[in-house]
Every structure is written in C-alpha cells, then in structure tokens.
C-alpha cells in the first residue's frame, strides 16, 4: 500500500491508495443484482479502504394461510326508497342469522357498504323515467377455522345472497414468515459474498450496509366459487374449499468490504 503525505502547519493528512493485483483491479467495485432489481447507495457514498461488493439476495418462505374472508351482498328493489330499504334489511337480517348460527361472532362480521340508488327506464328520444329504487348492502366475514369455510359458504347461499366474493385466503400474522425470509436472504447474501471474495483471492472483512429492498406479501388466494344463485338450501355435497400455500418474499441489499 502506498502512502502520500501532505504537510500543512506541522500537521499532515494521510491519503491511502488501495492497490490490489492486476487480476483483481477490475473488481474494485462489484455490483450484483437480482432479477427483481435493487437500489444501492452509489459506491462513492460508501467509505471503504478495500474492495466494495454489493449484493441483492432474496428469501422466500412458504406459509399455510390461517384466515379466510368472504364478502356477501344482498339487494332489493322497490317503488320507494323506504320499501327497497326494508326488503333489503330483511334479507341482510336473514343472512346474518345464518352466519351467526354457523358460529361466526360479531367480532368477525363487518358491514362494508350500504347503498340506495334510483332506478330509471331509458327509452330512445325520451327523458329517463324513474321507476323505483334499489337498496344494497354488503358484509365481510372472517373465518379462522378454515375447515369450516365450505359449510359457512353454503349457509350464506341458503340465505339467498345476491353476490358472493371469496373466500380470500391470507395470513393473519405474516411477521414470523417475513422474519424467516429475511434470515434466508441475509444467509444467501453472505454465502454469495464469500464466493465472490474467494474467486478473486480476497475475503469478506465486514458488512458495510444492509437495507431491505422489496417485500412481497402474498396476494389473497381466490379459489373459483360457484354462482350463488345456482345453489339451493338442500344442495349437496358441501362446497369443497382448499387454501393451498402462500409465499412471502423479501429482498435485502447488502454492501460488503473485501480485503
């Protein structure tokens, strides 16, 4: 290593110029990016006396969903807003009764939307004529025992709902899976750093920076569901539902100093 000293008023500053062999000169700044891409600090913003190696690594963990959500809607039409609302309220009351009888508590039932809108008749070259009103309301329920999703779906259909969306499967708490993915990503990054260092006759001296890049939470899974109107109260067998698995993905960006 060469040292050039500059003296000023009895003091000096040391400028260290790192040199490595001709073979490793081309690797003074190495950047490796995953296919998903990564954003790093520019090399000049990272202080290092040796070679800087930047790596993006991804960890993936599969987890079994433990929560299902279902959205159901009822609707009714009437000549007045009051009539439509009353009829729809009765339908929703019946639906809620079926859901509660299936063992779903109020803590897991949430009203999502209530809507009342006029209905019009449209004829060519005529002013639209209001002919009545439509009332709609929707709820979302959460099911923690996934083995009961099929039977609860059937209970909802028996209440003559107008529309069903779901079930959507998800993780009620994804923190554990995310931490496992982080550990996996860091382990992969360190393993790659050791490989690159050995390939150029160096070793990993220290980690200079770690940043979390891309966190990909699993999208809710939506198995195909039959049309609600085609079901009847005595339909058999019970609707089959399979939750499958979901993948939690995390990318970390790590800067290593080699020497």
Protein backbone atom coordinates (compact mmCIF):
# COMPACT_ATOMS: atom_id res chain seq x y z
CA UNK A 1 0.00 0.00 0.00
CA UNK A 2 1.34 3.42 -0.94
CA UNK A 3 1.05 6.44 1.36
CA UNK A 4 1.32 10.01 0.19
CA UNK A 5 1.71 12.57 3.00
CA UNK A 6 0.82 16.23 2.76
CA UNK A 7 2.20 18.60 5.43
CA UNK A 8 0.47 21.81 6.43
CA UNK A 9 1.45 23.85 9.53
CA UNK A 10 3.13 20.91 11.21
CA UNK A 11 0.28 18.54 10.58
CA UNK A 12 -0.25 16.05 7.82
CA UNK A 13 -3.05 14.17 6.25
CA UNK A 14 -2.61 10.61 5.03
CA UNK A 15 -4.13 9.60 1.74
CA UNK A 16 -4.41 5.86 1.45
CA UNK A 17 -4.48 4.43 -2.03
CA UNK A 18 -5.69 0.85 -2.09
CA UNK A 19 -3.97 -1.33 -4.65
CA UNK A 20 -4.58 -4.95 -5.42
CA UNK A 21 -3.15 -7.28 -8.04
CA UNK A 22 -3.69 -6.81 -11.73
CA UNK A 23 -6.19 -9.66 -11.78
CA UNK A 24 -8.44 -8.08 -9.12
CA UNK A 25 -8.14 -4.49 -10.29
CA UNK A 26 -11.19 -4.82 -12.45
CA UNK A 27 -13.20 -5.86 -9.38
CA UNK A 28 -12.59 -2.73 -7.29
CA UNK A 29 -16.33 -2.17 -7.32
CA UNK A 30 -18.56 -5.18 -7.95
CA UNK A 31 -22.34 -4.98 -8.12
CA UNK A 32 -24.58 -7.98 -8.31
CA UNK A 33 -28.32 -7.51 -8.73
CA UNK A 34 -31.11 -9.98 -8.57
CA UNK A 35 -33.57 -10.36 -11.41
CA UNK A 36 -36.02 -8.30 -9.39
CA UNK A 37 -33.61 -5.39 -9.29
CA UNK A 38 -32.24 -3.44 -6.33
CA UNK A 39 -31.31 0.12 -5.46
CA UNK A 40 -27.97 0.68 -3.74
CA UNK A 41 -26.10 3.69 -2.50
CA UNK A 42 -23.56 4.85 -5.10
CA UNK A 43 -20.09 3.38 -4.36
CA UNK A 44 -18.67 6.85 -3.71
CA UNK A 45 -21.09 7.24 -0.79
CA UNK A 46 -19.77 4.12 0.95
CA UNK A 47 -16.48 4.51 2.84
CA UNK A 48 -14.21 1.53 2.41
CA UNK A 49 -10.45 1.00 2.29
CA UNK A 50 -10.75 -2.11 0.16
CA UNK A 51 -12.97 -3.59 -2.48
CA UNK A 52 -16.70 -3.00 -2.18
CA UNK A 53 -19.09 -5.81 -3.12
CA UNK A 54 -22.81 -5.14 -3.37
CA UNK A 55 -25.28 -8.00 -3.45
CA UNK A 56 -29.05 -8.26 -3.64
CA UNK A 57 -30.44 -11.52 -2.27
CA UNK A 58 -33.99 -12.78 -1.92
CA UNK A 59 -35.51 -15.01 0.72
CA UNK A 60 -38.74 -16.91 0.14
CA UNK A 61 -40.82 -18.68 2.75
CA UNK A 62 -43.98 -20.67 2.14
CA UNK A 63 -46.72 -20.47 4.73
CA UNK A 64 -50.13 -22.03 5.10
CA UNK A 65 -52.96 -19.47 5.28
CA UNK A 66 -54.93 -19.39 8.53
CA UNK A 67 -57.58 -16.80 7.68
CA UNK A 68 -60.37 -16.67 5.11
CA UNK A 69 -62.52 -13.65 4.27
CA UNK A 70 -65.79 -13.70 2.38
CA UNK A 71 -67.82 -10.72 1.15
CA UNK A 72 -71.57 -11.15 0.63
CA UNK A 73 -74.13 -8.71 -0.77
CA UNK A 74 -77.91 -8.53 -0.58
CA UNK A 75 -80.13 -6.25 -2.62
CA UNK A 76 -83.82 -5.43 -3.08
CA UNK A 77 -85.89 -3.22 -5.33
CA UNK A 78 -88.99 -1.18 -4.51
CA UNK A 79 -91.17 1.62 -5.79
CA UNK A 80 -89.87 3.82 -2.97
CA UNK A 81 -86.53 4.05 -1.22
CA UNK A 82 -88.22 3.03 2.03
CA UNK A 83 -89.69 -0.13 0.51
CA UNK A 84 -86.40 -1.16 -1.09
CA UNK A 85 -84.52 -0.50 2.14
CA UNK A 86 -86.98 -2.50 4.25
CA UNK A 87 -86.87 -5.51 1.93
CA UNK A 88 -83.09 -5.43 1.77
CA UNK A 89 -82.85 -5.12 5.55
CA UNK A 90 -84.88 -8.32 5.90
CA UNK A 91 -82.58 -10.17 3.51
CA UNK A 92 -79.49 -8.98 5.36
CA UNK A 93 -81.05 -9.92 8.71
CA UNK A 94 -81.65 -13.45 7.43
CA UNK A 95 -78.11 -13.65 6.14
CA UNK A 96 -76.64 -12.50 9.46
CA UNK A 97 -78.79 -15.03 11.33
CA UNK A 98 -77.44 -17.86 9.17
CA UNK A 99 -73.87 -16.66 9.67
CA UNK A 100 -74.23 -16.41 13.45
CA UNK A 101 -75.87 -19.85 13.55
CA UNK A 102 -72.77 -21.12 11.77
CA UNK A 103 -70.66 -19.91 14.68
CA UNK A 104 -69.33 -16.58 13.37
CA UNK A 105 -69.23 -13.92 16.10
CA UNK A 106 -69.94 -10.22 15.63
CA UNK A 107 -66.21 -9.55 16.07
CA UNK A 108 -65.64 -11.24 12.70
CA UNK A 109 -68.52 -9.57 10.85
CA UNK A 110 -68.08 -6.13 9.29
CA UNK A 111 -70.51 -4.05 7.27
CA UNK A 112 -68.66 -2.89 4.16
CA UNK A 113 -71.21 -0.90 2.17
CA UNK A 114 -74.82 0.34 2.18
CA UNK A 115 -76.21 1.93 -0.96
CA UNK A 116 -79.60 3.22 -2.09
CA UNK A 117 -79.94 4.37 -5.68
CA UNK A 118 -82.82 5.27 -8.05
CA UNK A 119 -83.72 3.03 -10.97
CA UNK A 120 -84.61 4.52 -14.35
CA UNK A 121 -86.25 3.37 -17.54
CA UNK A 122 -84.41 4.54 -20.63
CA UNK A 123 -86.18 4.90 -23.97
CA UNK A 124 -84.87 6.40 -27.16
CA UNK A 125 -85.53 10.13 -27.56
CA UNK A 126 -87.23 10.31 -24.17
CA UNK A 127 -86.23 11.69 -20.81
CA UNK A 128 -85.24 8.88 -18.44
CA UNK A 129 -88.12 7.97 -16.17
CA UNK A 130 -87.54 6.97 -12.57
CA UNK A 131 -89.34 3.71 -11.86
CA UNK A 132 -88.15 2.90 -8.35
CA UNK A 133 -85.17 2.34 -6.08
CA UNK A 134 -82.61 -0.33 -5.36
CA UNK A 135 -81.07 -0.89 -1.92
CA UNK A 136 -77.85 -2.84 -1.50
CA UNK A 137 -75.69 -3.75 1.47
CA UNK A 138 -72.62 -5.92 1.85
CA UNK A 139 -70.74 -7.51 4.71
CA UNK A 140 -67.37 -9.16 5.09
CA UNK A 141 -66.81 -12.07 7.43
CA UNK A 142 -63.57 -13.57 8.72
CA UNK A 143 -63.22 -17.32 9.25
CA UNK A 144 -60.35 -18.58 11.41
CA UNK A 145 -61.17 -22.28 11.17
CA UNK A 146 -60.53 -22.98 7.50
CA UNK A 147 -62.06 -26.44 7.72
CA UNK A 148 -65.45 -24.74 8.08
CA UNK A 149 -65.22 -22.42 5.07
CA UNK A 150 -67.23 -24.68 2.78
CA UNK A 151 -70.10 -25.19 5.21
CA UNK A 152 -70.27 -21.48 6.02
CA UNK A 153 -70.37 -20.65 2.32
CA UNK A 154 -73.33 -22.98 1.94
CA UNK A 155 -75.08 -21.33 4.89
CA UNK A 156 -74.67 -17.95 3.21
CA UNK A 157 -76.02 -19.25 -0.08
CA UNK A 158 -79.05 -20.69 1.71
CA UNK A 159 -79.87 -17.14 2.81
CA UNK A 160 -80.31 -16.21 -0.88
CA UNK A 161 -77.48 -13.71 -1.11
CA UNK A 162 -77.25 -11.79 -4.37
CA UNK A 163 -73.48 -11.99 -4.73
CA UNK A 164 -70.52 -13.69 -3.05
CA UNK A 165 -66.84 -12.83 -3.34
CA UNK A 166 -64.26 -15.16 -1.89
CA UNK A 167 -63.08 -16.93 0.02
CA UNK A 168 -59.82 -14.98 0.05
CA UNK A 169 -57.08 -16.77 1.99
CA UNK A 170 -54.35 -14.89 3.83
CA UNK A 171 -52.02 -14.96 6.83
CA UNK A 172 -53.46 -13.39 9.97
CA UNK A 173 -49.90 -12.62 11.12
CA UNK A 174 -47.20 -12.65 8.45
CA UNK A 175 -44.42 -11.27 10.71
CA UNK A 176 -42.94 -14.70 11.51
CA UNK A 177 -42.80 -15.71 7.84
CA UNK A 178 -41.28 -12.33 6.91
CA UNK A 179 -38.51 -12.70 9.53
CA UNK A 180 -37.72 -16.19 8.26
CA UNK A 181 -37.46 -14.77 4.73
CA UNK A 182 -35.12 -12.03 5.99
CA UNK A 183 -32.79 -14.56 7.64
CA UNK A 184 -32.77 -16.62 4.47
CA UNK A 185 -31.95 -13.56 2.35
CA UNK A 186 -29.08 -12.50 4.63
CA UNK A 187 -27.65 -16.03 4.66
CA UNK A 188 -27.78 -16.14 0.86
CA UNK A 189 -26.13 -12.72 0.56
CA UNK A 190 -23.25 -13.74 2.87
CA UNK A 191 -22.75 -17.02 1.02
CA UNK A 192 -22.52 -15.20 -2.31
CA UNK A 193 -20.13 -12.64 -0.85
CA UNK A 194 -17.80 -15.41 0.33
CA UNK A 195 -17.94 -16.98 -3.13
CA UNK A 196 -17.05 -13.74 -4.91
CA UNK A 197 -14.30 -12.93 -2.44
CA UNK A 198 -12.64 -16.34 -2.85
CA UNK A 199 -12.86 -16.09 -6.63
CA UNK A 200 -10.62 -13.01 -6.60
CA UNK A 201 -8.32 -14.09 -3.78
CA UNK A 202 -9.88 -11.93 -1.08
CA UNK A 203 -12.02 -12.42 2.00
CA UNK A 204 -15.07 -10.70 3.46
CA UNK A 205 -13.88 -8.20 6.08
CA UNK A 206 -17.16 -6.68 7.19
CA UNK A 207 -20.69 -5.75 6.24
CA UNK A 208 -20.90 -2.04 5.49
CA UNK A 209 -24.61 -1.63 4.81
CA UNK A 210 -27.85 -3.61 4.91
CA UNK A 211 -31.10 -2.31 3.50
CA UNK A 212 -34.37 -4.06 2.90
CA UNK A 213 -35.40 -3.81 -0.70
CA UNK A 214 -38.59 -5.42 -1.85
CA UNK A 215 -41.16 -7.03 0.42
CA UNK A 216 -43.72 -9.07 -1.45
CA UNK A 217 -46.65 -10.06 0.72
CA UNK A 218 -48.77 -12.88 -0.67
CA UNK A 219 -51.88 -11.87 -2.54
CA UNK A 220 -55.08 -13.34 -1.15
CA UNK A 221 -55.88 -16.58 -2.90
CA UNK A 222 -59.29 -16.76 -4.52
CA UNK A 223 -60.46 -20.25 -5.38
CA UNK A 224 -63.17 -20.41 -8.00
CA UNK A 225 -66.63 -20.32 -6.46
CA UNK A 226 -69.89 -21.41 -7.97
CA UNK A 227 -72.58 -18.87 -8.84
CA UNK A 228 -74.58 -18.26 -5.68
CA UNK A 229 -77.94 -18.21 -7.46
CA UNK A 230 -77.47 -21.73 -8.75
CA UNK A 231 -77.35 -23.15 -5.23
CA UNK A 232 -80.34 -24.20 -3.17
CA UNK A 233 -80.87 -24.93 0.50
CA UNK A 234 -80.71 -28.70 0.03
CA UNK A 235 -77.78 -28.77 -2.38
CA UNK A 236 -75.20 -31.47 -1.70
CA UNK A 237 -72.40 -32.14 -1.19
CA UNK A 238 -70.74 -29.37 0.85
CA UNK A 239 -68.78 -26.88 -1.22
CA UNK A 240 -65.12 -28.06 -1.32
CA UNK A 241 -62.53 -25.40 -0.47
CA UNK A 242 -58.72 -25.77 -0.47
CA UNK A 243 -56.49 -22.99 0.88
CA UNK A 244 -53.11 -24.09 -0.53
CA UNK A 245 -49.94 -22.22 0.46
CA UNK A 246 -48.67 -18.68 0.05
CA UNK A 247 -45.15 -17.32 -0.47
CA UNK A 248 -43.64 -14.41 1.46
CA UNK A 249 -40.70 -12.84 -0.38
CA UNK A 250 -38.17 -10.31 0.93
CA UNK A 251 -35.13 -8.85 -0.84
CA UNK A 252 -32.17 -7.39 1.06
CA UNK A 253 -29.35 -5.24 -0.32
CA UNK A 254 -26.00 -5.80 1.38
CA UNK A 255 -22.67 -3.99 0.89
CA UNK A 256 -19.56 -5.96 1.90
CA UNK A 257 -15.97 -4.81 2.24
CA UNK A 258 -13.42 -7.26 0.88
CA UNK A 259 -9.77 -7.30 1.72
